[in-house]
């Protein structure tokens, strides 16, 4: 049987974080504010989280001895990204509790599994079909129609692992772009805008959701999140309730991001992310307790904090050459900079973000 936490962690306890990117960095900062230590497990050196965590386990995910040392050095394990090898989780789970649980990871790691799960809860998703061959793709297009988008079932993010299909003639090239990877064809959704809800659930089953944020993407990468989102009171309530439904169905512990399309016929679930989420960065300057502290509270067995928004915020991602604007942004009176400490600026790479407080 996998180990569990019998009592809330006390200050001084060590929280293990799988992944050393910017989300791990901000989780480490939040943990430190609450008096916890963090140990980051990350194969890459000089990663953003290593600059602020107490310890950095610099090892590969197939290093059994390192994984065991990591697990024995921490009190609970969480993660900042979904695509953790199952073999590593098998080792870790026998030694320390993992929060959120592995079922949430299993579902979110595969787009077909995720959509099947969401529809089993009575939630609406875009039309979809499994694609494992060129013939499957032709059949899926005949069923769903075009325009559509072909996505790898696993490992896609920020627009990677995707091919748009405007007409059936695009199918052959789209399948080549997938490099024979098992994929899913998603039908076109006529939506007005995308919103996301950052929800949290404690080990005791308490649920707290932040206000939905309205997202704008550019080139498949999140550009900005604006709070409050353009939603009716009914839509806002529906978004929060369906997020709570997902959290409870998974017996989830921690923070989750739920992306939704707003349509004339209602809300459609785009995807879920079992971790703190880019579209929740606005909470760092819009709430007394942000998404990172909320996650740490949950995985440590503490009560959830008050996530009520005290300010309207526009979060903008700083990507690639946006770093050239940092000095100018730093002069803005209402701008809070959050830089990730990445040494190399690359096109399409998230280097930081800025939260702009809307002035009344």
Protein backbone atom coordinates (compact mmCIF):
# COMPACT_ATOMS: atom_id res chain seq x y z
CA UNK A 1 0.00 0.00 0.00
CA UNK A 2 1.27 3.48 -0.88
CA UNK A 3 2.23 5.58 2.17
CA UNK A 4 -0.04 8.40 3.30
CA UNK A 5 0.29 11.53 5.42
CA UNK A 6 -1.22 10.88 8.83
CA UNK A 7 -1.08 14.53 9.93
CA UNK A 8 -0.42 17.98 8.43
CA UNK A 9 3.26 18.68 7.85
CA UNK A 10 4.96 20.92 10.35
CA UNK A 11 7.23 23.78 9.37
CA UNK A 12 10.69 22.50 8.59
CA UNK A 13 9.34 19.50 6.68
CA UNK A 14 10.69 18.89 3.18
CA UNK A 15 8.46 18.93 0.11
CA UNK A 16 9.83 17.06 -2.90
CA UNK A 17 9.10 18.55 -6.32
CA UNK A 18 9.48 16.56 -9.53
CA UNK A 19 10.65 19.01 -12.18
CA UNK A 20 12.84 22.07 -11.93
CA UNK A 21 11.21 24.57 -14.26
CA UNK A 22 9.57 27.88 -13.44
CA UNK A 23 6.55 26.27 -11.80
CA UNK A 24 8.86 24.35 -9.48
CA UNK A 25 10.67 27.59 -8.78
CA UNK A 26 7.51 29.41 -7.76
CA UNK A 27 6.31 26.42 -5.71
CA UNK A 28 9.63 26.49 -3.85
CA UNK A 29 9.25 30.18 -3.06
CA UNK A 30 5.71 29.60 -1.78
CA UNK A 31 6.86 26.67 0.35
CA UNK A 32 9.62 28.78 1.89
CA UNK A 33 7.10 31.45 2.90
CA UNK A 34 5.26 28.80 4.89
CA UNK A 35 8.42 27.55 6.57
CA UNK A 36 8.93 24.42 4.47
CA UNK A 37 12.07 23.25 2.70
CA UNK A 38 12.03 21.94 -0.85
CA UNK A 39 14.06 19.36 -2.74
CA UNK A 40 13.78 19.52 -6.52
CA UNK A 41 14.40 16.43 -8.66
CA UNK A 42 15.50 17.58 -12.10
CA UNK A 43 17.85 15.96 -14.65
CA UNK A 44 19.00 19.33 -16.03
CA UNK A 45 21.54 21.48 -14.25
CA UNK A 46 21.09 25.19 -13.50
CA UNK A 47 17.32 24.90 -13.75
CA UNK A 48 15.06 27.75 -12.55
CA UNK A 49 13.90 25.90 -9.41
CA UNK A 50 17.45 25.02 -8.37
CA UNK A 51 18.15 28.73 -7.77
CA UNK A 52 15.65 28.92 -4.91
CA UNK A 53 15.08 25.36 -3.64
CA UNK A 54 16.98 24.10 -0.60
CA UNK A 55 18.22 21.02 -2.46
CA UNK A 56 18.58 19.96 -6.10
CA UNK A 57 18.72 16.23 -6.86
CA UNK A 58 20.50 16.37 -10.21
CA UNK A 59 19.73 12.95 -11.67
CA UNK A 60 17.84 11.18 -14.45
CA UNK A 61 14.39 9.68 -14.08
CA UNK A 62 15.80 6.20 -14.71
CA UNK A 63 18.34 6.47 -11.87
CA UNK A 64 16.75 4.13 -9.34
CA UNK A 65 19.18 4.88 -6.53
CA UNK A 66 18.78 8.64 -6.94
CA UNK A 67 14.99 8.33 -6.95
CA UNK A 68 15.11 6.32 -3.73
CA UNK A 69 17.44 8.85 -2.08
CA UNK A 70 15.14 11.65 -3.17
CA UNK A 71 12.03 9.97 -1.77
CA UNK A 72 13.67 9.18 1.57
CA UNK A 73 14.87 12.78 1.93
CA UNK A 74 11.39 14.33 1.66
CA UNK A 75 8.07 14.07 3.49
CA UNK A 76 5.69 14.34 0.53
CA UNK A 77 6.15 14.46 -3.24
CA UNK A 78 4.43 16.72 -5.76
CA UNK A 79 5.23 17.67 -9.35
CA UNK A 80 5.29 20.64 -11.71
CA UNK A 81 4.70 18.80 -15.00
CA UNK A 82 2.65 15.82 -16.12
CA UNK A 83 4.98 13.71 -18.23
CA UNK A 84 6.85 11.92 -15.47
CA UNK A 85 7.91 8.37 -16.46
CA UNK A 86 5.67 5.72 -14.92
CA UNK A 87 8.70 3.68 -13.89
CA UNK A 88 9.93 6.56 -11.71
CA UNK A 89 6.53 6.97 -10.10
CA UNK A 90 6.44 3.23 -9.31
CA UNK A 91 9.59 3.64 -7.21
CA UNK A 92 8.58 6.88 -5.51
CA UNK A 93 5.04 5.85 -4.64
CA UNK A 94 6.26 2.95 -2.49
CA UNK A 95 8.30 5.32 -0.32
CA UNK A 96 6.37 8.59 0.02
CA UNK A 97 2.88 9.94 -0.68
CA UNK A 98 2.46 11.59 -4.07
CA UNK A 99 0.04 14.52 -4.30
CA UNK A 100 -1.90 14.96 -6.54
CA UNK A 101 -2.44 11.21 -6.91
CA UNK A 102 -1.26 9.05 -9.78
CA UNK A 103 -4.75 8.63 -11.19
CA UNK A 104 -4.82 12.34 -12.02
CA UNK A 105 -1.47 11.95 -13.76
CA UNK A 106 -2.57 8.86 -15.67
CA UNK A 107 -5.67 10.59 -17.00
CA UNK A 108 -3.95 13.84 -17.95
CA UNK A 109 -1.00 12.17 -19.69
CA UNK A 110 -3.17 10.85 -22.53
CA UNK A 111 -5.64 13.07 -24.36
CA UNK A 112 -8.02 10.21 -25.23
CA UNK A 113 -8.06 8.94 -21.64
CA UNK A 114 -8.65 12.50 -20.47
CA UNK A 115 -11.60 13.09 -22.81
CA UNK A 116 -13.13 9.73 -21.95
CA UNK A 117 -12.90 10.63 -18.26
CA UNK A 118 -14.45 14.07 -18.73
CA UNK A 119 -17.35 12.73 -20.78
CA UNK A 120 -17.95 10.04 -18.12
CA UNK A 121 -18.67 12.92 -15.71
CA UNK A 122 -21.30 14.29 -18.07
CA UNK A 123 -19.08 17.17 -19.18
CA UNK A 124 -18.92 18.39 -22.77
CA UNK A 125 -15.71 18.19 -24.81
CA UNK A 126 -14.96 18.82 -28.47
CA UNK A 127 -15.83 15.95 -30.84
CA UNK A 128 -12.87 13.55 -30.88
CA UNK A 129 -11.59 10.30 -32.32
CA UNK A 130 -8.57 8.10 -31.73
CA UNK A 131 -6.04 8.08 -34.59
CA UNK A 132 -3.27 5.50 -34.86
CA UNK A 133 -2.83 5.33 -38.64
CA UNK A 134 -3.43 7.30 -41.81
CA UNK A 135 -6.55 5.20 -42.39
CA UNK A 136 -7.80 6.06 -38.88
CA UNK A 137 -7.31 9.73 -39.68
CA UNK A 138 -9.32 9.49 -42.89
CA UNK A 139 -12.13 7.75 -41.01
CA UNK A 140 -12.02 10.32 -38.21
CA UNK A 141 -12.26 13.20 -40.68
CA UNK A 142 -15.21 11.53 -42.39
CA UNK A 143 -16.93 11.31 -38.99
CA UNK A 144 -15.97 14.65 -37.42
CA UNK A 145 -15.36 16.81 -40.48
CA UNK A 146 -13.03 19.75 -41.00
CA UNK A 147 -11.65 22.11 -39.91
CA UNK A 148 -10.10 20.04 -37.13
CA UNK A 149 -6.86 19.68 -35.26
CA UNK A 150 -4.70 16.57 -34.92
CA UNK A 151 -2.76 16.27 -31.65
CA UNK A 152 -0.43 13.66 -30.27
CA UNK A 153 -2.10 11.78 -27.44
CA UNK A 154 0.90 12.34 -25.19
CA UNK A 155 3.66 14.92 -24.58
CA UNK A 156 2.22 17.89 -26.47
CA UNK A 157 2.26 21.40 -24.95
CA UNK A 158 2.45 25.06 -26.00
CA UNK A 159 1.30 24.25 -29.51
CA UNK A 160 3.81 21.43 -30.02
CA UNK A 161 2.67 18.07 -31.34
CA UNK A 162 -0.26 19.58 -33.22
CA UNK A 163 -1.30 19.96 -36.86
CA UNK A 164 -4.29 21.90 -38.16
CA UNK A 165 -6.43 20.26 -40.83
CA UNK A 166 -8.42 22.77 -42.88
CA UNK A 167 -9.66 20.22 -45.41
CA UNK A 168 -9.34 16.44 -46.02
CA UNK A 169 -6.46 17.17 -48.40
CA UNK A 170 -4.35 18.22 -45.40
CA UNK A 171 -4.66 14.81 -43.74
CA UNK A 172 -1.61 13.13 -45.27
CA UNK A 173 0.80 15.90 -44.22
CA UNK A 174 -0.77 16.14 -40.78
CA UNK A 175 -0.17 12.45 -40.17
CA UNK A 176 3.44 12.84 -41.34
CA UNK A 177 3.81 15.70 -38.82
CA UNK A 178 2.71 13.33 -36.03
CA UNK A 179 5.55 10.93 -36.96
CA UNK A 180 3.24 7.92 -36.47
CA UNK A 181 2.58 8.86 -32.82
CA UNK A 182 -0.83 7.79 -31.48
CA UNK A 183 -3.00 10.88 -31.84
CA UNK A 184 -6.46 12.34 -31.38
CA UNK A 185 -8.47 14.29 -33.93
CA UNK A 186 -10.47 17.09 -32.32
CA UNK A 187 -13.34 18.75 -34.13
CA UNK A 188 -13.64 22.49 -34.49
CA UNK A 189 -15.35 24.33 -31.63
CA UNK A 190 -17.07 27.60 -32.44
CA UNK A 191 -16.14 29.47 -29.26
CA UNK A 192 -16.09 33.14 -28.43
CA UNK A 193 -13.15 32.94 -26.02
CA UNK A 194 -11.24 30.64 -23.70
CA UNK A 195 -11.25 30.82 -19.93
CA UNK A 196 -9.58 28.76 -17.25
CA UNK A 197 -10.36 27.99 -13.65
CA UNK A 198 -7.63 27.30 -11.11
CA UNK A 199 -9.18 25.02 -8.52
CA UNK A 200 -7.77 23.46 -5.36
CA UNK A 201 -8.87 20.55 -3.19
CA UNK A 202 -7.56 19.61 0.24
CA UNK A 203 -7.03 16.14 1.65
CA UNK A 204 -10.19 16.71 3.72
CA UNK A 205 -12.22 17.30 0.55
CA UNK A 206 -12.56 21.07 0.84
CA UNK A 207 -12.61 22.81 -2.56
CA UNK A 208 -11.67 26.41 -3.35
CA UNK A 209 -11.55 27.96 -6.81
CA UNK A 210 -10.01 31.20 -7.98
CA UNK A 211 -11.97 33.49 -10.30
CA UNK A 212 -11.95 32.31 -13.93
CA UNK A 213 -9.39 34.08 -16.11
CA UNK A 214 -9.78 34.90 -19.80
CA UNK A 215 -6.94 33.59 -21.96
CA UNK A 216 -5.45 34.79 -25.24
CA UNK A 217 -3.01 32.57 -27.15
CA UNK A 218 -0.51 33.49 -29.81
CA UNK A 219 1.21 30.81 -31.86
CA UNK A 220 -0.20 28.12 -29.60
CA UNK A 221 1.36 29.67 -26.48
CA UNK A 222 -0.55 31.50 -23.78
CA UNK A 223 0.00 35.24 -24.23
CA UNK A 224 -2.20 36.76 -21.54
CA UNK A 225 -4.79 36.02 -18.88
CA UNK A 226 -7.24 38.73 -17.81
CA UNK A 227 -9.25 38.67 -14.59
CA UNK A 228 -12.16 39.05 -14.35
CA UNK A 229 -13.08 37.07 -17.44
CA UNK A 230 -15.97 37.97 -19.72
CA UNK A 231 -18.62 35.64 -18.28
CA UNK A 232 -22.18 35.87 -17.07
CA UNK A 233 -22.86 35.04 -13.44
CA UNK A 234 -24.34 31.73 -14.56
CA UNK A 235 -21.31 30.86 -16.70
CA UNK A 236 -18.98 31.75 -13.85
CA UNK A 237 -20.86 29.47 -11.48
CA UNK A 238 -20.93 26.64 -14.03
CA UNK A 239 -17.16 26.93 -14.57
CA UNK A 240 -16.45 26.68 -10.85
CA UNK A 241 -18.92 23.84 -10.26
CA UNK A 242 -17.58 21.68 -13.09
CA UNK A 243 -14.04 22.23 -11.82
CA UNK A 244 -15.13 21.07 -8.37
CA UNK A 245 -16.80 18.06 -10.00
CA UNK A 246 -13.51 17.06 -11.65
CA UNK A 247 -11.51 17.54 -8.44
CA UNK A 248 -13.90 15.45 -6.38
CA UNK A 249 -14.15 12.68 -8.97
CA UNK A 250 -10.37 12.26 -8.83
CA UNK A 251 -10.16 12.49 -5.01
CA UNK A 252 -7.64 15.18 -5.91
CA UNK A 253 -5.24 16.92 -3.52
CA UNK A 254 -3.57 20.06 -4.84
CA UNK A 255 -4.16 22.70 -7.51
CA UNK A 256 -5.50 21.96 -10.99
CA UNK A 257 -5.95 24.12 -14.08
CA UNK A 258 -9.12 23.54 -16.14
CA UNK A 259 -9.29 25.18 -19.57
CA UNK A 260 -12.74 25.89 -21.01
CA UNK A 261 -14.17 27.14 -24.30
CA UNK A 262 -17.08 29.55 -23.97
CA UNK A 263 -19.72 28.85 -26.62
CA UNK A 264 -23.30 29.88 -27.24
CA UNK A 265 -24.39 26.41 -26.14
CA UNK A 266 -22.42 26.39 -22.90
CA UNK A 267 -18.95 25.59 -21.60
CA UNK A 268 -16.77 22.98 -23.29
CA UNK A 269 -13.79 21.50 -21.44
CA UNK A 270 -10.61 21.82 -23.48
CA UNK A 271 -8.16 20.11 -21.13
CA UNK A 272 -7.09 19.69 -17.52
CA UNK A 273 -3.64 20.13 -16.01
CA UNK A 274 -2.98 18.41 -12.65
CA UNK A 275 -0.64 21.10 -11.35
CA UNK A 276 -0.29 24.83 -10.91
CA UNK A 277 -0.97 26.50 -14.24
CA UNK A 278 0.36 29.34 -16.36
CA UNK A 279 -3.08 30.94 -16.51
CA UNK A 280 -3.10 31.14 -12.71
CA UNK A 281 -0.01 33.33 -12.38
CA UNK A 282 -2.24 36.38 -11.96
CA UNK A 283 -3.08 35.14 -8.45
CA UNK A 284 0.41 36.14 -7.27
CA UNK A 285 -0.65 39.77 -7.26
CA UNK A 286 -4.42 39.51 -7.30
CA UNK A 287 -5.02 37.39 -4.19
CA UNK A 288 -3.74 37.15 -0.64
CA UNK A 289 -3.05 33.43 -1.20
CA UNK A 290 -1.85 32.60 -4.71
CA UNK A 291 -2.09 29.30 -6.59
CA UNK A 292 1.41 28.23 -5.52
CA UNK A 293 0.78 28.67 -1.81
CA UNK A 294 -2.62 27.02 -2.24
CA UNK A 295 -0.94 23.97 -3.78
CA UNK A 296 1.67 23.76 -1.03
CA UNK A 297 -1.04 24.06 1.61
CA UNK A 298 -3.00 21.23 0.02
CA UNK A 299 -0.13 18.76 -0.43
CA UNK A 300 1.15 19.52 3.10
CA UNK A 301 -2.26 18.75 4.60
CA UNK A 302 -2.89 22.33 5.68
CA UNK A 303 -6.26 24.08 5.31
CA UNK A 304 -6.78 25.87 2.02
CA UNK A 305 -6.29 29.63 2.00
CA UNK A 306 -8.70 32.35 1.00
CA UNK A 307 -8.36 32.72 -2.76
CA UNK A 308 -10.71 35.69 -3.08
CA UNK A 309 -9.47 38.19 -5.66
CA UNK A 310 -8.72 41.64 -4.26
CA UNK A 311 -7.59 43.23 -7.56
CA UNK A 312 -8.24 43.01 -11.28
CA UNK A 313 -5.13 41.75 -13.07
CA UNK A 314 -3.77 41.21 -16.57
CA UNK A 315 -1.00 38.61 -16.69
CA UNK A 316 1.28 38.70 -19.74
CA UNK A 317 3.84 36.01 -20.50
CA UNK A 318 7.31 37.24 -21.42
CA UNK A 319 8.44 34.98 -24.24
CA UNK A 320 11.79 35.02 -26.01
CA UNK A 321 12.73 38.54 -27.11
CA UNK A 322 10.11 40.02 -24.77
CA UNK A 323 13.04 40.10 -22.35
CA UNK A 324 14.23 43.17 -24.24
CA UNK A 325 11.23 44.98 -22.70
CA UNK A 326 12.04 44.13 -19.08
CA UNK A 327 13.69 47.46 -18.26
CA UNK A 328 10.70 49.38 -19.61
CA UNK A 329 8.24 47.12 -17.79
CA UNK A 330 10.18 47.62 -14.56
CA UNK A 331 9.42 51.34 -14.81
CA UNK A 332 5.64 50.77 -14.92
CA UNK A 333 3.98 51.73 -11.65
CA UNK A 334 1.40 48.94 -11.70
CA UNK A 335 3.55 46.08 -13.02
CA UNK A 336 4.90 43.18 -10.95
CA UNK A 337 7.71 41.30 -12.71
CA UNK A 338 8.31 37.59 -12.19
CA UNK A 339 11.44 36.41 -14.03
CA UNK A 340 12.50 32.77 -14.12
CA UNK A 341 16.28 33.06 -14.14
CA UNK A 342 16.75 31.24 -17.44
CA UNK A 343 20.18 31.96 -18.89
CA UNK A 344 19.38 31.48 -22.58
CA UNK A 345 16.73 33.51 -24.38
CA UNK A 346 15.11 31.45 -27.12
CA UNK A 347 12.17 32.07 -29.44
CA UNK A 348 9.02 30.60 -27.95
CA UNK A 349 10.63 30.10 -24.53
CA UNK A 350 8.80 31.40 -21.47
CA UNK A 351 11.28 33.65 -19.68
CA UNK A 352 8.96 35.24 -17.13
CA UNK A 353 5.66 37.03 -16.77
CA UNK A 354 4.31 40.38 -15.64
CA UNK A 355 1.17 40.96 -13.63
CA UNK A 356 -0.37 44.37 -14.23
CA UNK A 357 -2.79 45.54 -11.59
CA UNK A 358 -5.73 47.35 -13.13
CA UNK A 359 -6.10 50.80 -11.64
CA UNK A 360 -9.61 51.80 -10.56
